[in-house]
Amino acid sequence: MMNKTDLIQQVSMDTGISKSKAGEVIESFLKGIEDALAKDEEVVILGFGSFSVVDRAPRAGRHPQTGKPMHIPATRQARFKPGKNLKELVK
């Protein structure tokens, strides 16, 4: 499993920049995606995928321990849809 620290190290090695600079780049990249999603904008990275916000309607569900019916309220969720190149790479 790769975490953010591993990603920063990978970017640093691939680009030849310091780990602190690579960390700033990764943080800025993630903040840009967060800011766009907060404004309900879609983020599309060609060849990789797209990030968007979806509305989930309220629905009925069941409590997993008791089995009793319960109400699940409407929510907004971030969604990632992989692009064609990423899908092919993972296959």
PDB file of N, CA and C in Angstrom:
ATOM      1  N   MET A   1       0.843  -1.177   0.000  1.00  0.00           N
ATOM      2  CA  MET A   1       0.000   0.000   0.000  1.00  0.00           C
ATOM      3  C   MET A   1       0.893   1.246   0.000  1.00  0.00           C
ATOM      4  N   MET A   2       0.546   2.197  -0.837  1.00  0.00           N
ATOM      5  CA  MET A   2       1.291   3.453  -0.895  1.00  0.00           C
ATOM      6  C   MET A   2       0.511   4.524  -0.148  1.00  0.00           C
ATOM      7  N   ASN A   3       1.195   5.235   0.753  1.00  0.00           N
ATOM      8  CA  ASN A   3       0.558   6.352   1.446  1.00  0.00           C
ATOM      9  C   ASN A   3       1.139   7.671   0.930  1.00  0.00           C
ATOM     10  N   LYS A   4       0.711   8.781   1.522  1.00  0.00           N
ATOM     11  CA  LYS A   4       1.138  10.080   1.023  1.00  0.00           C
ATOM     12  C   LYS A   4       2.652  10.264   1.142  1.00  0.00           C
ATOM     13  N   THR A   5       3.254   9.786   2.217  1.00  0.00           N
ATOM     14  CA  THR A   5       4.704   9.894   2.395  1.00  0.00           C
ATOM     15  C   THR A   5       5.436   9.136   1.299  1.00  0.00           C
ATOM     16  N   ASP A   6       4.946   7.949   0.966  1.00  0.00           N
ATOM     17  CA  ASP A   6       5.556   7.164  -0.111  1.00  0.00           C
ATOM     18  C   ASP A   6       5.416   7.882  -1.447  1.00  0.00           C
ATOM     19  N   LEU A   7       4.262   8.493  -1.679  1.00  0.00           N
ATOM     20  CA  LEU A   7       4.027   9.228  -2.923  1.00  0.00           C
ATOM     21  C   LEU A   7       4.971  10.424  -3.028  1.00  0.00           C
ATOM     22  N   ILE A   8       5.144  11.136  -1.925  1.00  0.00           N
ATOM     23  CA  ILE A   8       6.062  12.283  -1.911  1.00  0.00           C
ATOM     24  C   ILE A   8       7.478  11.818  -2.231  1.00  0.00           C
ATOM     25  N   GLN A   9       7.905  10.713  -1.649  1.00  0.00           N
ATOM     26  CA  GLN A   9       9.235  10.175  -1.921  1.00  0.00           C
ATOM     27  C   GLN A   9       9.373   9.781  -3.392  1.00  0.00           C
ATOM     28  N   GLN A  10       8.333   9.166  -3.962  1.00  0.00           N
ATOM     29  CA  GLN A  10       8.356   8.759  -5.367  1.00  0.00           C
ATOM     30  C   GLN A  10       8.469   9.968  -6.290  1.00  0.00           C
ATOM     31  N   VAL A  11       7.675  11.007  -6.009  1.00  0.00           N
ATOM     32  CA  VAL A  11       7.727  12.228  -6.824  1.00  0.00           C
ATOM     33  C   VAL A  11       9.102  12.868  -6.708  1.00  0.00           C
ATOM     34  N   SER A  12       9.654  12.886  -5.501  1.00  0.00           N
ATOM     35  CA  SER A  12      10.981  13.458  -5.288  1.00  0.00           C
ATOM     36  C   SER A  12      12.037  12.713  -6.103  1.00  0.00           C
ATOM     37  N   MET A  13      11.990  11.392  -6.073  1.00  0.00           N
ATOM     38  CA  MET A  13      12.969  10.592  -6.824  1.00  0.00           C
ATOM     39  C   MET A  13      12.782  10.748  -8.333  1.00  0.00           C
ATOM     40  N   ASP A  14      11.527  10.755  -8.806  1.00  0.00           N
ATOM     41  CA  ASP A  14      11.261  10.838 -10.241  1.00  0.00           C
ATOM     42  C   ASP A  14      11.644  12.188 -10.838  1.00  0.00           C
ATOM     43  N   THR A  15      11.475  13.262 -10.058  1.00  0.00           N
ATOM     44  CA  THR A  15      11.693  14.598 -10.596  1.00  0.00           C
ATOM     45  C   THR A  15      13.025  15.221 -10.195  1.00  0.00           C
ATOM     46  N   GLY A  16      13.662  14.651  -9.173  1.00  0.00           N
ATOM     47  CA  GLY A  16      14.929  15.211  -8.724  1.00  0.00           C
ATOM     48  C   GLY A  16      14.773  16.425  -7.832  1.00  0.00           C
ATOM     49  N   ILE A  17      13.558  16.697  -7.356  1.00  0.00           N
ATOM     50  CA  ILE A  17      13.368  17.814  -6.438  1.00  0.00           C
ATOM     51  C   ILE A  17      13.408  17.288  -5.005  1.00  0.00           C
ATOM     52  N   SER A  18      13.561  18.188  -4.058  1.00  0.00           N
ATOM     53  CA  SER A  18      13.648  17.774  -2.658  1.00  0.00           C
ATOM     54  C   SER A  18      12.306  17.222  -2.176  1.00  0.00           C
ATOM     55  N   LYS A  19      12.378  16.444  -1.094  1.00  0.00           N
ATOM     56  CA  LYS A  19      11.149  15.881  -0.537  1.00  0.00           C
ATOM     57  C   LYS A  19      10.217  16.974  -0.042  1.00  0.00           C
ATOM     58  N   SER A  20      10.771  18.050   0.508  1.00  0.00           N
ATOM     59  CA  SER A  20       9.908  19.133   1.004  1.00  0.00           C
ATOM     60  C   SER A  20       9.179  19.813  -0.151  1.00  0.00           C
ATOM     61  N   LYS A  21       9.873  20.036  -1.261  1.00  0.00           N
ATOM     62  CA  LYS A  21       9.227  20.633  -2.448  1.00  0.00           C
ATOM     63  C   LYS A  21       8.183  19.681  -3.026  1.00  0.00           C
ATOM     64  N   ALA A  22       8.505  18.394  -3.086  1.00  0.00           N
ATOM     65  CA  ALA A  22       7.558  17.404  -3.587  1.00  0.00           C
ATOM     66  C   ALA A  22       6.326  17.367  -2.686  1.00  0.00           C
ATOM     67  N   GLY A  23       6.529  17.483  -1.375  1.00  0.00           N
ATOM     68  CA  GLY A  23       5.407  17.523  -0.429  1.00  0.00           C
ATOM     69  C   GLY A  23       4.511  18.721  -0.680  1.00  0.00           C
ATOM     70  N   GLU A  24       5.128  19.878  -0.971  1.00  0.00           N
ATOM     71  CA  GLU A  24       4.349  21.085  -1.272  1.00  0.00           C
ATOM     72  C   GLU A  24       3.533  20.894  -2.551  1.00  0.00           C
ATOM     73  N   VAL A  25       4.131  20.265  -3.539  1.00  0.00           N
ATOM     74  CA  VAL A  25       3.446  20.023  -4.815  1.00  0.00           C
ATOM     75  C   VAL A  25       2.241  19.107  -4.604  1.00  0.00           C
ATOM     76  N   ILE A  26       2.442  18.003  -3.875  1.00  0.00           N
ATOM     77  CA  ILE A  26       1.354  17.059  -3.617  1.00  0.00           C
ATOM     78  C   ILE A  26       0.246  17.736  -2.812  1.00  0.00           C
ATOM     79  N   GLU A  27       0.607  18.494  -1.779  1.00  0.00           N
ATOM     80  CA  GLU A  27      -0.390  19.191  -0.958  1.00  0.00           C
ATOM     81  C   GLU A  27      -1.188  20.185  -1.805  1.00  0.00           C
ATOM     82  N   SER A  28      -0.508  20.921  -2.675  1.00  0.00           N
ATOM     83  CA  SER A  28      -1.179  21.880  -3.541  1.00  0.00           C
ATOM     84  C   SER A  28      -2.126  21.180  -4.510  1.00  0.00           C
ATOM     85  N   PHE A  29      -1.685  20.059  -5.066  1.00  0.00           N
ATOM     86  CA  PHE A  29      -2.508  19.269  -5.974  1.00  0.00           C
ATOM     87  C   PHE A  29      -3.792  18.801  -5.284  1.00  0.00           C
ATOM     88  N   LEU A  30      -3.640  18.237  -4.096  1.00  0.00           N
ATOM     89  CA  LEU A  30      -4.805  17.738  -3.357  1.00  0.00           C
ATOM     90  C   LEU A  30      -5.733  18.879  -2.947  1.00  0.00           C
ATOM     91  N   LYS A  31      -5.159  20.015  -2.529  1.00  0.00           N
ATOM     92  CA  LYS A  31      -5.975  21.172  -2.152  1.00  0.00           C
ATOM     93  C   LYS A  31      -6.761  21.689  -3.348  1.00  0.00           C
ATOM     94  N   GLY A  32      -6.148  21.678  -4.515  1.00  0.00           N
ATOM     95  CA  GLY A  32      -6.852  22.113  -5.723  1.00  0.00           C
ATOM     96  C   GLY A  32      -8.071  21.242  -6.009  1.00  0.00           C
ATOM     97  N   ILE A  33      -7.918  19.942  -5.848  1.00  0.00           N
ATOM     98  CA  ILE A  33      -9.042  19.021  -6.051  1.00  0.00           C
ATOM     99  C   ILE A  33     -10.111  19.273  -4.995  1.00  0.00           C
ATOM    100  N   GLU A  34      -9.704  19.407  -3.725  1.00  0.00           N
ATOM    101  CA  GLU A  34     -10.659  19.663  -2.645  1.00  0.00           C
ATOM    102  C   GLU A  34     -11.435  20.958  -2.878  1.00  0.00           C
ATOM    103  N   ASP A  35     -10.732  22.030  -3.260  1.00  0.00           N
ATOM    104  CA  ASP A  35     -11.381  23.318  -3.488  1.00  0.00           C
ATOM    105  C   ASP A  35     -12.393  23.239  -4.625  1.00  0.00           C
ATOM    106  N   ALA A  36     -12.040  22.562  -5.703  1.00  0.00           N
ATOM    107  CA  ALA A  36     -12.948  22.430  -6.842  1.00  0.00           C
ATOM    108  C   ALA A  36     -14.192  21.634  -6.440  1.00  0.00           C
ATOM    109  N   LEU A  37     -14.012  20.534  -5.722  1.00  0.00           N
ATOM    110  CA  LEU A  37     -15.157  19.722  -5.303  1.00  0.00           C
ATOM    111  C   LEU A  37     -16.041  20.494  -4.327  1.00  0.00           C
ATOM    112  N   ALA A  38     -15.433  21.309  -3.472  1.00  0.00           N
ATOM    113  CA  ALA A  38     -16.216  22.123  -2.526  1.00  0.00           C
ATOM    114  C   ALA A  38     -17.092  23.126  -3.273  1.00  0.00           C
ATOM    115  N   LYS A  39     -16.644  23.564  -4.458  1.00  0.00           N
ATOM    116  CA  LYS A  39     -17.427  24.486  -5.291  1.00  0.00           C
ATOM    117  C   LYS A  39     -18.333  23.735  -6.262  1.00  0.00           C
ATOM    118  N   ASP A  40     -18.444  22.414  -6.075  1.00  0.00           N
ATOM    119  CA  ASP A  40     -19.286  21.554  -6.908  1.00  0.00           C
ATOM    120  C   ASP A  40     -18.811  21.517  -8.358  1.00  0.00           C
ATOM    121  N   GLU A  41     -17.505  21.627  -8.552  1.00  0.00           N
ATOM    122  CA  GLU A  41     -16.917  21.543  -9.885  1.00  0.00           C
ATOM    123  C   GLU A  41     -16.332  20.144 -10.079  1.00  0.00           C
ATOM    124  N   GLU A  42     -16.308  19.692 -11.308  1.00  0.00           N
ATOM    125  CA  GLU A  42     -15.698  18.401 -11.630  1.00  0.00           C
ATOM    126  C   GLU A  42     -14.224  18.624 -11.970  1.00  0.00           C
ATOM    127  N   VAL A  43     -13.373  17.694 -11.562  1.00  0.00           N
ATOM    128  CA  VAL A  43     -11.947  17.750 -11.871  1.00  0.00           C
ATOM    129  C   VAL A  43     -11.641  16.577 -12.800  1.00  0.00           C
ATOM    130  N   VAL A  44     -11.167  16.885 -14.013  1.00  0.00           N
ATOM    131  CA  VAL A  44     -10.868  15.848 -14.998  1.00  0.00           C
ATOM    132  C   VAL A  44      -9.376  15.868 -15.295  1.00  0.00           C
ATOM    133  N   ILE A  45      -8.721  14.721 -15.106  1.00  0.00           N
ATOM    134  CA  ILE A  45      -7.310  14.571 -15.422  1.00  0.00           C
ATOM    135  C   ILE A  45      -7.247  13.538 -16.540  1.00  0.00           C
ATOM    136  N   LEU A  46      -7.026  14.014 -17.764  1.00  0.00           N
ATOM    137  CA  LEU A  46      -7.052  13.135 -18.929  1.00  0.00           C
ATOM    138  C   LEU A  46      -6.081  11.975 -18.761  1.00  0.00           C
ATOM    139  N   GLY A  47      -6.556  10.788 -19.068  1.00  0.00           N
ATOM    140  CA  GLY A  47      -5.740   9.593 -18.972  1.00  0.00           C
ATOM    141  C   GLY A  47      -5.713   8.986 -17.583  1.00  0.00           C
ATOM    142  N   PHE A  48      -6.200   9.719 -16.584  1.00  0.00           N
ATOM    143  CA  PHE A  48      -6.199   9.208 -15.218  1.00  0.00           C
ATOM    144  C   PHE A  48      -7.616   8.986 -14.703  1.00  0.00           C
ATOM    145  N   GLY A  49      -8.429  10.044 -14.700  1.00  0.00           N
ATOM    146  CA  GLY A  49      -9.806   9.902 -14.232  1.00  0.00           C
ATOM    147  C   GLY A  49     -10.413  11.238 -13.878  1.00  0.00           C
ATOM    148  N   SER A  50     -11.608  11.178 -13.281  1.00  0.00           N
ATOM    149  CA  SER A  50     -12.302  12.406 -12.915  1.00  0.00           C
ATOM    150  C   SER A  50     -12.867  12.293 -11.504  1.00  0.00           C
ATOM    151  N   PHE A  51     -12.870  13.427 -10.831  1.00  0.00           N
ATOM    152  CA  PHE A  51     -13.429  13.551  -9.497  1.00  0.00           C
ATOM    153  C   PHE A  51     -14.686  14.401  -9.617  1.00  0.00           C
ATOM    154  N   SER A  52     -15.755  14.005  -8.941  1.00  0.00           N
ATOM    155  CA  SER A  52     -16.985  14.775  -8.969  1.00  0.00           C
ATOM    156  C   SER A  52     -17.730  14.599  -7.648  1.00  0.00           C
ATOM    157  N   VAL A  53     -18.765  15.403  -7.462  1.00  0.00           N
ATOM    158  CA  VAL A  53     -19.613  15.311  -6.276  1.00  0.00           C
ATOM    159  C   VAL A  53     -20.968  14.780  -6.728  1.00  0.00           C
ATOM    160  N   VAL A  54     -21.486  13.784  -6.015  1.00  0.00           N
ATOM    161  CA  VAL A  54     -22.789  13.211  -6.341  1.00  0.00           C
ATOM    162  C   VAL A  54     -23.706  13.331  -5.132  1.00  0.00           C
ATOM    163  N   ASP A  55     -24.989  13.498  -5.419  1.00  0.00           N
ATOM    164  CA  ASP A  55     -26.000  13.545  -4.375  1.00  0.00           C
ATOM    165  C   ASP A  55     -26.603  12.164  -4.224  1.00  0.00           C
ATOM    166  N   ARG A  56     -26.661  11.682  -3.006  1.00  0.00           N
ATOM    167  CA  ARG A  56     -27.306  10.400  -2.724  1.00  0.00           C
ATOM    168  C   ARG A  56     -28.633  10.689  -2.058  1.00  0.00           C
ATOM    169  N   ALA A  57     -29.689  10.101  -2.587  1.00  0.00           N
ATOM    170  CA  ALA A  57     -31.035  10.315  -2.069  1.00  0.00           C
ATOM    171  C   ALA A  57     -31.204   9.618  -0.711  1.00  0.00           C
ATOM    172  N   PRO A  58     -32.142  10.098   0.097  1.00  0.00           N
ATOM    173  CA  PRO A  58     -32.418   9.381   1.346  1.00  0.00           C
ATOM    174  C   PRO A  58     -32.989   8.001   1.019  1.00  0.00           C
ATOM    175  N   ARG A  59     -32.761   7.062   1.899  1.00  0.00           N
ATOM    176  CA  ARG A  59     -33.237   5.709   1.624  1.00  0.00           C
ATOM    177  C   ARG A  59     -33.460   4.954   2.924  1.00  0.00           C
ATOM    178  N   ALA A  60     -34.137   3.848   2.804  1.00  0.00           N
ATOM    179  CA  ALA A  60     -34.376   2.987   3.955  1.00  0.00           C
ATOM    180  C   ALA A  60     -33.260   1.961   4.028  1.00  0.00           C
ATOM    181  N   GLY A  61     -32.859   1.623   5.222  1.00  0.00           N
ATOM    182  CA  GLY A  61     -31.815   0.625   5.411  1.00  0.00           C
ATOM    183  C   GLY A  61     -32.121  -0.208   6.637  1.00  0.00           C
ATOM    184  N   ARG A  62     -31.213  -1.069   6.974  1.00  0.00           N
ATOM    185  CA  ARG A  62     -31.373  -1.912   8.163  1.00  0.00           C
ATOM    186  C   ARG A  62     -30.134  -1.780   9.035  1.00  0.00           C
ATOM    187  N   HIS A  63     -30.359  -1.704  10.347  1.00  0.00           N
ATOM    188  CA  HIS A  63     -29.261  -1.665  11.305  1.00  0.00           C
ATOM    189  C   HIS A  63     -28.538  -3.009  11.226  1.00  0.00           C
ATOM    190  N   PRO A  64     -27.220  -3.016  11.011  1.00  0.00           N
ATOM    191  CA  PRO A  64     -26.515  -4.279  10.789  1.00  0.00           C
ATOM    192  C   PRO A  64     -26.511  -5.231  11.993  1.00  0.00           C
ATOM    193  N   GLN A  65     -26.599  -4.693  13.195  1.00  0.00           N
ATOM    194  CA  GLN A  65     -26.563  -5.572  14.376  1.00  0.00           C
ATOM    195  C   GLN A  65     -27.948  -6.062  14.780  1.00  0.00           C
ATOM    196  N   THR A  66     -28.942  -5.171  14.701  1.00  0.00           N
ATOM    197  CA  THR A  66     -30.279  -5.549  15.171  1.00  0.00           C
ATOM    198  C   THR A  66     -31.209  -5.968  14.048  1.00  0.00           C
ATOM    199  N   GLY A  67     -30.912  -5.534  12.819  1.00  0.00           N
ATOM    200  CA  GLY A  67     -31.787  -5.848  11.696  1.00  0.00           C
ATOM    201  C   GLY A  67     -33.014  -4.957  11.616  1.00  0.00           C
ATOM    202  N   LYS A  68     -33.135  -3.999  12.548  1.00  0.00           N
ATOM    203  CA  LYS A  68     -34.293  -3.094  12.555  1.00  0.00           C
ATOM    204  C   LYS A  68     -34.184  -2.094  11.410  1.00  0.00           C
ATOM    205  N   PRO A  69     -35.321  -1.734  10.798  1.00  0.00           N
ATOM    206  CA  PRO A  69     -35.296  -0.725   9.733  1.00  0.00           C
ATOM    207  C   PRO A  69     -34.829   0.628  10.281  1.00  0.00           C
ATOM    208  N   MET A  70     -34.130   1.368   9.455  1.00  0.00           N
ATOM    209  CA  MET A  70     -33.691   2.710   9.842  1.00  0.00           C
ATOM    210  C   MET A  70     -33.664   3.611   8.616  1.00  0.00           C
ATOM    211  N   HIS A  71     -33.715   4.913   8.865  1.00  0.00           N
ATOM    212  CA  HIS A  71     -33.695   5.909   7.798  1.00  0.00           C
ATOM    213  C   HIS A  71     -32.244   6.368   7.593  1.00  0.00           C
ATOM    214  N   ILE A  72     -31.797   6.368   6.340  1.00  0.00           N
ATOM    215  CA  ILE A  72     -30.468   6.874   5.991  1.00  0.00           C
ATOM    216  C   ILE A  72     -30.688   8.192   5.256  1.00  0.00           C
ATOM    217  N   PRO A  73     -30.209   9.306   5.825  1.00  0.00           N
ATOM    218  CA  PRO A  73     -30.483  10.625   5.230  1.00  0.00           C
ATOM    219  C   PRO A  73     -29.729  10.845   3.908  1.00  0.00           C
ATOM    220  N   ALA A  74     -30.171  11.840   3.161  1.00  0.00           N
ATOM    221  CA  ALA A  74     -29.505  12.224   1.913  1.00  0.00           C
ATOM    222  C   ALA A  74     -28.105  12.745   2.234  1.00  0.00           C
ATOM    223  N   THR A  75     -27.153  12.471   1.355  1.00  0.00           N
ATOM    224  CA  THR A  75     -25.774  12.940   1.538  1.00  0.00           C
ATOM    225  C   THR A  75     -25.173  13.372   0.203  1.00  0.00           C
ATOM    226  N   ARG A  76     -24.083  14.090   0.306  1.00  0.00           N
ATOM    227  CA  ARG A  76     -23.282  14.444  -0.865  1.00  0.00           C
ATOM    228  C   ARG A  76     -21.947  13.744  -0.689  1.00  0.00           C
ATOM    229  N   GLN A  77     -21.468  13.087  -1.743  1.00  0.00           N
ATOM    230  CA  GLN A  77     -20.231  12.332  -1.647  1.00  0.00           C
ATOM    231  C   GLN A  77     -19.312  12.644  -2.813  1.00  0.00           C
ATOM    232  N   ALA A  78     -18.020  12.592  -2.534  1.00  0.00           N
ATOM    233  CA  ALA A  78     -17.026  12.717  -3.602  1.00  0.00           C
ATOM    234  C   ALA A  78     -16.926  11.362  -4.295  1.00  0.00           C
ATOM    235  N   ARG A  79     -16.782  11.409  -5.624  1.00  0.00           N
ATOM    236  CA  ARG A  79     -16.674  10.176  -6.391  1.00  0.00           C
ATOM    237  C   ARG A  79     -15.503  10.295  -7.357  1.00  0.00           C
ATOM    238  N   PHE A  80     -14.806   9.179  -7.551  1.00  0.00           N
ATOM    239  CA  PHE A  80     -13.718   9.113  -8.524  1.00  0.00           C
ATOM    240  C   PHE A  80     -14.100   8.095  -9.583  1.00  0.00           C
ATOM    241  N   LYS A  81     -13.974   8.485 -10.832  1.00  0.00           N
ATOM    242  CA  LYS A  81     -14.245   7.574 -11.938  1.00  0.00           C
ATOM    243  C   LYS A  81     -12.946   7.440 -12.735  1.00  0.00           C
ATOM    244  N   PRO A  82     -12.357   6.244 -12.763  1.00  0.00           N
ATOM    245  CA  PRO A  82     -11.080   6.082 -13.474  1.00  0.00           C
ATOM    246  C   PRO A  82     -11.237   6.289 -14.977  1.00  0.00           C
ATOM    247  N   GLY A  83     -10.194   6.830 -15.587  1.00  0.00           N
ATOM    248  CA  GLY A  83     -10.175   7.028 -17.029  1.00  0.00           C
ATOM    249  C   GLY A  83      -9.803   5.750 -17.758  1.00  0.00           C
ATOM    250  N   LYS A  84      -9.902   5.795 -19.066  1.00  0.00           N
ATOM    251  CA  LYS A  84      -9.649   4.618 -19.901  1.00  0.00           C
ATOM    252  C   LYS A  84      -8.241   4.061 -19.693  1.00  0.00           C
ATOM    253  N   ASN A  85      -7.231   4.942 -19.677  1.00  0.00           N
ATOM    254  CA  ASN A  85      -5.850   4.483 -19.517  1.00  0.00           C
ATOM    255  C   ASN A  85      -5.640   3.788 -18.177  1.00  0.00           C
ATOM    256  N   LEU A  86      -6.210   4.341 -17.119  1.00  0.00           N
ATOM    257  CA  LEU A  86      -6.063   3.745 -15.789  1.00  0.00           C
ATOM    258  C   LEU A  86      -6.783   2.406 -15.721  1.00  0.00           C
ATOM    259  N   LYS A  87      -7.956   2.320 -16.334  1.00  0.00           N
ATOM    260  CA  LYS A  87      -8.690   1.054 -16.355  1.00  0.00           C
ATOM    261  C   LYS A  87      -7.869  -0.031 -17.043  1.00  0.00           C
ATOM    262  N   GLU A  88      -7.260   0.323 -18.177  1.00  0.00           N
ATOM    263  CA  GLU A  88      -6.451  -0.648 -18.921  1.00  0.00           C
ATOM    264  C   GLU A  88      -5.219  -1.067 -18.136  1.00  0.00           C
ATOM    265  N   LEU A  89      -4.596  -0.125 -17.452  1.00  0.00           N
ATOM    266  CA  LEU A  89      -3.398  -0.402 -16.678  1.00  0.00           C
ATOM    267  C   LEU A  89      -3.689  -1.357 -15.525  1.00  0.00           C
ATOM    268  N   VAL A  90      -4.845  -1.203 -14.905  1.00  0.00           N
ATOM    269  CA  VAL A  90      -5.218  -2.035 -13.758  1.00  0.00           C
ATOM    270  C   VAL A  90      -5.608  -3.443 -14.195  1.00  0.00           C
ATOM    271  N   LYS A  91      -6.155  -3.582 -15.399  1.00  0.00           N
ATOM    272  CA  LYS A  91      -6.573  -4.902 -15.880  1.00  0.00           C
ATOM    273  C   LYS A  91      -5.419  -5.778 -15.961  1.00  0.00           C
TER     274      LYS A  91
END
